[in-house]
Amino acid sequence: MAMSQEHLDKMQLRQNYRNLWHTNLMNTISADTPYCCFALFCGPCVSYLLRKRALYDDMSRYTCCAGYMPCSGRCGESKCPELCLCTEVFLCFGNSVASTRFLLQDEFNIQTTKCDNCIIGFMFCLQQLACIFSIVACLVGSEELSEASQILNCFADMVYCTVCACMQTQHKVEMDKRDGKFGPQPMAVPPMQQMSRIDQPYPPNVGYAPQQPYGYPPQPAPHAQGYPPAGYPPQGYPPAQGYPAPGY
């Protein structure tokens, strides 16, 4: 009774978490497509690897279903944790995925978004509906209803496997973030800058043609190289030696 109350308290506390998953269930396929396919076709193996990684590869910390189920701590996990984990992921696959999820949420204070809750709830409701249809088909004995229940069962199994694969990919991406496997973001190349000299009253305009500050006299236009400026020689300049002065 005390253990059940503790689990209820944890579930209530989990609703008040503020952090979010690095990627939601809708975007896990695009976030890591190869791993999502791996989780879809080999779910128990992925569940084993993720649980071990969530425990930081320290199997001495392992407890059946991460301590969230009534059987946790009563299966002799301390004697052979690897064998117990293998048994858990193959015989209680859904519980193993959910336990790893709760373990990460409690460690990093991660809440489940409304979209993720709707997807998980739809999966459970579809499974319950398929089970009810199968029971009704067995009681009634109708072939049409039996075929409809089989189709519904296949659809429910497909949704279940797909959602579990997305959840495990979500856990893997979150642990990649935890372990720092996301490299630093590439920095953009800074624009070319130009230093201003001390004797310049205003810094130069970067990337634009230099403009004369307002209120200053215009600068003389540069003359072509090899030619004297207009009005050469200037007035008051002594004549060259050997030539008479102007107006001689």
Protein backbone atom coordinates (compact mmCIF):
# COMPACT_ATOMS: atom_id res chain seq x y z
CA MET A 1 0.00 0.00 0.00
CA ALA A 2 2.83 2.37 0.84
CA MET A 3 4.56 1.50 -2.47
CA SER A 4 1.37 2.21 -4.43
CA GLN A 5 0.97 5.56 -2.72
CA GLU A 6 4.59 6.39 -3.54
CA HIS A 7 3.97 5.61 -7.20
CA LEU A 8 0.87 7.79 -7.22
CA ASP A 9 2.86 10.63 -5.67
CA LYS A 10 5.51 10.26 -8.36
CA MET A 11 2.89 10.35 -11.10
CA GLN A 12 1.40 13.49 -9.60
CA LEU A 13 4.82 15.09 -9.31
CA ARG A 14 5.67 14.14 -12.88
CA GLN A 15 2.84 16.34 -14.14
CA ASN A 16 4.53 19.41 -12.65
CA TYR A 17 7.89 18.92 -14.37
CA ARG A 18 9.05 21.87 -16.45
CA ASN A 19 11.61 20.41 -18.85
CA LEU A 20 10.65 18.97 -22.24
CA TRP A 21 11.94 16.12 -24.34
CA HIS A 22 14.56 17.11 -26.87
CA THR A 23 12.21 15.84 -29.58
CA ASN A 24 8.55 14.86 -29.41
CA LEU A 25 7.06 11.62 -30.69
CA MET A 26 5.98 13.21 -33.98
CA ASN A 27 9.54 14.23 -34.90
CA THR A 28 11.52 11.21 -33.73
CA ILE A 29 11.54 9.60 -37.18
CA SER A 30 13.19 12.62 -38.74
CA ALA A 31 15.45 13.12 -35.71
CA ASP A 32 17.11 9.68 -36.01
CA THR A 33 15.62 7.60 -38.82
CA PRO A 34 18.10 4.65 -38.71
CA TYR A 35 17.69 4.17 -34.97
CA CYS A 36 13.90 4.41 -35.25
CA CYS A 37 13.95 1.59 -37.83
CA PHE A 38 16.24 -0.42 -35.55
CA ALA A 39 13.83 0.08 -32.65
CA LEU A 40 10.89 -0.93 -34.85
CA PHE A 41 12.34 -4.27 -35.98
CA CYS A 42 14.30 -5.17 -32.83
CA GLY A 43 12.45 -3.52 -29.96
CA PRO A 44 13.61 -5.79 -27.08
CA CYS A 45 17.29 -5.38 -28.02
CA VAL A 46 16.92 -1.61 -28.11
CA SER A 47 15.09 -1.65 -24.77
CA TYR A 48 17.96 -3.61 -23.22
CA LEU A 49 20.59 -1.20 -24.55
CA LEU A 50 18.66 1.90 -23.52
CA ARG A 51 18.01 0.70 -19.98
CA LYS A 52 21.66 -0.15 -19.51
CA ARG A 53 22.66 3.23 -20.88
CA ALA A 54 20.10 5.00 -18.67
CA LEU A 55 21.83 3.37 -15.69
CA TYR A 56 25.19 4.73 -16.93
CA ASP A 57 26.26 1.11 -17.67
CA ASP A 58 26.21 0.38 -13.93
CA MET A 59 24.14 -2.79 -13.70
CA SER A 60 24.52 -2.87 -9.93
CA ARG A 61 21.82 -0.17 -9.92
CA TYR A 62 19.41 -2.32 -11.92
CA THR A 63 15.98 -3.09 -10.52
CA CYS A 64 13.22 -4.88 -12.38
CA CYS A 65 11.10 -2.32 -14.26
CA ALA A 66 13.25 0.43 -12.70
CA GLY A 67 11.39 0.07 -9.41
CA TYR A 68 8.02 1.21 -10.81
CA MET A 69 6.20 -2.15 -10.65
CA PRO A 70 5.08 -4.25 -7.66
CA CYS A 71 7.54 -7.02 -8.66
CA SER A 72 10.51 -4.65 -8.56
CA GLY A 73 13.25 -5.75 -6.18
CA ARG A 74 11.71 -9.20 -5.65
CA CYS A 75 13.16 -11.08 -8.63
CA GLY A 76 16.74 -11.53 -7.46
CA GLU A 77 18.07 -8.79 -9.72
CA SER A 78 21.21 -8.25 -7.63
CA LYS A 79 22.48 -11.78 -8.36
CA CYS A 80 22.25 -11.65 -12.14
CA PRO A 81 21.06 -8.24 -13.39
CA GLU A 82 21.87 -8.91 -17.07
CA LEU A 83 19.70 -12.04 -17.17
CA CYS A 84 16.88 -10.29 -15.33
CA LEU A 85 17.01 -7.37 -17.75
CA CYS A 86 16.87 -9.74 -20.73
CA THR A 87 13.86 -11.47 -19.20
CA GLU A 88 12.17 -8.13 -18.59
CA VAL A 89 12.61 -6.76 -22.11
CA PHE A 90 11.39 -9.96 -23.79
CA LEU A 91 8.53 -10.92 -21.47
CA CYS A 92 7.41 -7.43 -20.37
CA PHE A 93 8.44 -5.31 -23.32
CA GLY A 94 5.84 -2.58 -22.82
CA ASN A 95 6.69 -2.25 -19.13
CA SER A 96 10.40 -2.06 -19.92
CA VAL A 97 9.89 0.84 -22.36
CA ALA A 98 7.61 2.68 -19.94
CA SER A 99 10.02 2.12 -17.02
CA THR A 100 12.96 3.57 -18.94
CA ARG A 101 10.76 6.53 -19.83
CA PHE A 102 9.81 7.15 -16.19
CA LEU A 103 13.44 6.77 -15.17
CA LEU A 104 14.56 9.52 -17.55
CA GLN A 105 11.65 11.77 -16.67
CA ASP A 106 12.39 11.59 -12.96
CA GLU A 107 16.10 12.15 -13.51
CA PHE A 108 15.79 15.22 -15.73
CA ASN A 109 12.37 16.54 -14.63
CA ILE A 110 10.87 16.00 -18.10
CA GLN A 111 7.18 16.34 -18.63
CA THR A 112 5.19 14.64 -21.36
CA THR A 113 3.53 17.05 -23.76
CA LYS A 114 -0.17 16.90 -24.56
CA CYS A 115 0.59 15.67 -28.07
CA ASP A 116 2.65 12.76 -26.72
CA ASN A 117 -0.07 11.97 -24.18
CA CYS A 118 -2.68 11.87 -26.95
CA ILE A 119 -0.57 9.49 -29.03
CA ILE A 120 0.09 7.15 -26.10
CA GLY A 121 -3.57 7.30 -25.03
CA PHE A 122 -4.72 6.52 -28.57
CA MET A 123 -2.44 3.48 -28.60
CA PHE A 124 -3.90 2.13 -25.35
CA CYS A 125 -7.50 2.84 -26.36
CA LEU A 126 -7.01 1.11 -29.69
CA GLN A 127 -5.62 -1.98 -27.97
CA GLN A 128 -8.55 -2.08 -25.55
CA LEU A 129 -11.01 -1.67 -28.41
CA ALA A 130 -9.37 -4.48 -30.37
CA CYS A 131 -9.55 -6.74 -27.31
CA ILE A 132 -13.27 -5.97 -26.83
CA PHE A 133 -13.98 -6.67 -30.51
CA SER A 134 -12.19 -10.01 -30.27
CA ILE A 135 -14.23 -11.04 -27.21
CA VAL A 136 -17.50 -10.00 -28.86
CA ALA A 137 -16.57 -11.86 -32.05
CA CYS A 138 -15.89 -15.04 -30.05
CA LEU A 139 -19.23 -14.77 -28.21
CA VAL A 140 -21.35 -13.95 -31.24
CA GLY A 141 -19.62 -16.28 -33.68
CA SER A 142 -20.10 -13.95 -36.64
CA GLU A 143 -17.54 -14.31 -39.42
CA GLU A 144 -17.84 -10.68 -40.50
CA LEU A 145 -17.30 -9.47 -36.95
CA SER A 146 -14.40 -11.90 -36.51
CA GLU A 147 -12.69 -10.58 -39.65
CA ALA A 148 -13.24 -6.99 -38.50
CA SER A 149 -11.72 -7.79 -35.10
CA GLN A 150 -8.66 -9.36 -36.76
CA ILE A 151 -8.14 -6.28 -38.92
CA LEU A 152 -8.50 -4.08 -35.86
CA ASN A 153 -6.02 -6.25 -33.95
CA CYS A 154 -3.46 -5.94 -36.76
CA PHE A 155 -3.94 -2.17 -36.86
CA ALA A 156 -3.59 -1.92 -33.06
CA ASP A 157 -0.38 -4.00 -33.14
CA MET A 158 1.07 -1.78 -35.88
CA VAL A 159 0.29 1.37 -33.88
CA TYR A 160 1.73 -0.21 -30.73
CA CYS A 161 5.00 -1.18 -32.39
CA THR A 162 5.33 2.20 -34.10
CA VAL A 163 4.68 4.22 -30.94
CA CYS A 164 7.10 2.07 -28.92
CA ALA A 165 9.79 2.56 -31.57
CA CYS A 166 9.23 6.33 -31.51
CA MET A 167 9.36 6.37 -27.72
CA GLN A 168 12.64 4.47 -27.64
CA THR A 169 14.11 6.79 -30.26
CA GLN A 170 12.98 9.71 -28.12
CA HIS A 171 14.82 8.18 -25.13
CA LYS A 172 17.96 7.64 -27.20
CA VAL A 173 17.99 11.24 -28.45
CA GLU A 174 17.52 12.49 -24.89
CA MET A 175 20.48 10.44 -23.66
CA ASP A 176 22.56 11.69 -26.58
CA LYS A 177 21.80 15.18 -25.31
CA ARG A 178 22.70 14.12 -21.76
CA ASP A 179 26.01 12.60 -22.81
CA GLY A 180 27.01 15.61 -24.93
CA LYS A 181 26.94 13.81 -28.27
CA PHE A 182 25.43 16.82 -29.98
CA GLY A 183 28.44 18.80 -31.22
CA PRO A 184 28.69 22.57 -30.86
CA GLN A 185 26.72 24.61 -33.31
CA PRO A 186 28.85 25.91 -36.21
CA MET A 187 29.62 29.60 -35.84
CA ALA A 188 28.98 31.97 -38.69
CA VAL A 189 31.98 33.72 -40.25
CA PRO A 190 32.10 37.30 -38.90
CA PRO A 191 31.99 40.11 -41.47
CA MET A 192 35.25 41.75 -42.50
CA GLN A 193 36.01 44.75 -40.32
CA GLN A 194 38.27 47.76 -40.87
CA MET A 195 40.25 49.45 -38.13
CA SER A 196 40.23 53.21 -37.84
CA ARG A 197 43.44 55.20 -37.30
CA ILE A 198 43.89 57.50 -34.36
CA ASP A 199 44.18 60.56 -36.59
CA GLN A 200 40.80 59.90 -38.23
CA PRO A 201 37.96 61.90 -36.60
CA TYR A 202 35.38 59.29 -37.64
CA PRO A 203 35.74 55.56 -38.16
CA PRO A 204 35.60 54.42 -41.78
CA ASN A 205 32.37 53.07 -43.20
CA VAL A 206 32.63 49.30 -43.42
CA GLY A 207 31.64 47.96 -46.80
CA TYR A 208 30.74 51.35 -48.26
CA ALA A 209 32.61 54.07 -50.13
CA PRO A 210 34.19 56.62 -47.76
CA GLN A 211 32.10 59.74 -47.33
CA GLN A 212 33.19 63.21 -46.26
CA PRO A 213 31.85 64.12 -42.78
CA TYR A 214 29.23 66.82 -42.76
CA GLY A 215 30.63 70.34 -42.30
CA TYR A 216 34.14 69.60 -43.58
CA PRO A 217 35.53 71.14 -46.82
CA PRO A 218 35.56 68.78 -49.78
CA GLN A 219 38.74 66.87 -50.36
CA PRO A 220 40.60 67.54 -53.67
CA ALA A 221 40.11 64.90 -56.31
CA PRO A 222 43.15 62.69 -56.79
CA HIS A 223 45.07 63.39 -59.98
CA ALA A 224 46.24 60.80 -62.40
CA GLN A 225 49.60 59.30 -61.71
CA GLY A 226 52.40 60.88 -63.75
CA TYR A 227 50.57 64.13 -64.53
CA PRO A 228 50.91 67.43 -62.60
CA PRO A 229 47.81 68.89 -61.00
CA ALA A 230 45.89 71.69 -62.71
CA GLY A 231 47.49 75.15 -62.41
CA TYR A 232 51.00 73.78 -62.05
CA PRO A 233 53.26 75.37 -60.93
CA PRO A 234 51.43 76.96 -58.01
CA GLN A 235 51.66 80.70 -57.42
CA GLY A 236 54.54 81.87 -55.26
CA TYR A 237 56.60 78.86 -56.16
CA PRO A 238 60.16 79.86 -57.21
CA PRO A 239 60.91 79.22 -60.91
CA ALA A 240 63.22 76.48 -61.89
CA GLN A 241 66.88 77.41 -62.14
CA GLY A 242 67.91 78.59 -65.64
CA TYR A 243 64.44 79.68 -66.72
CA PRO A 244 63.19 83.30 -66.69
CA ALA A 245 60.33 84.28 -64.50
CA PRO A 246 56.85 84.54 -66.07
CA GLY A 247 56.23 87.80 -67.97
CA TYR A 248 59.96 88.39 -68.58
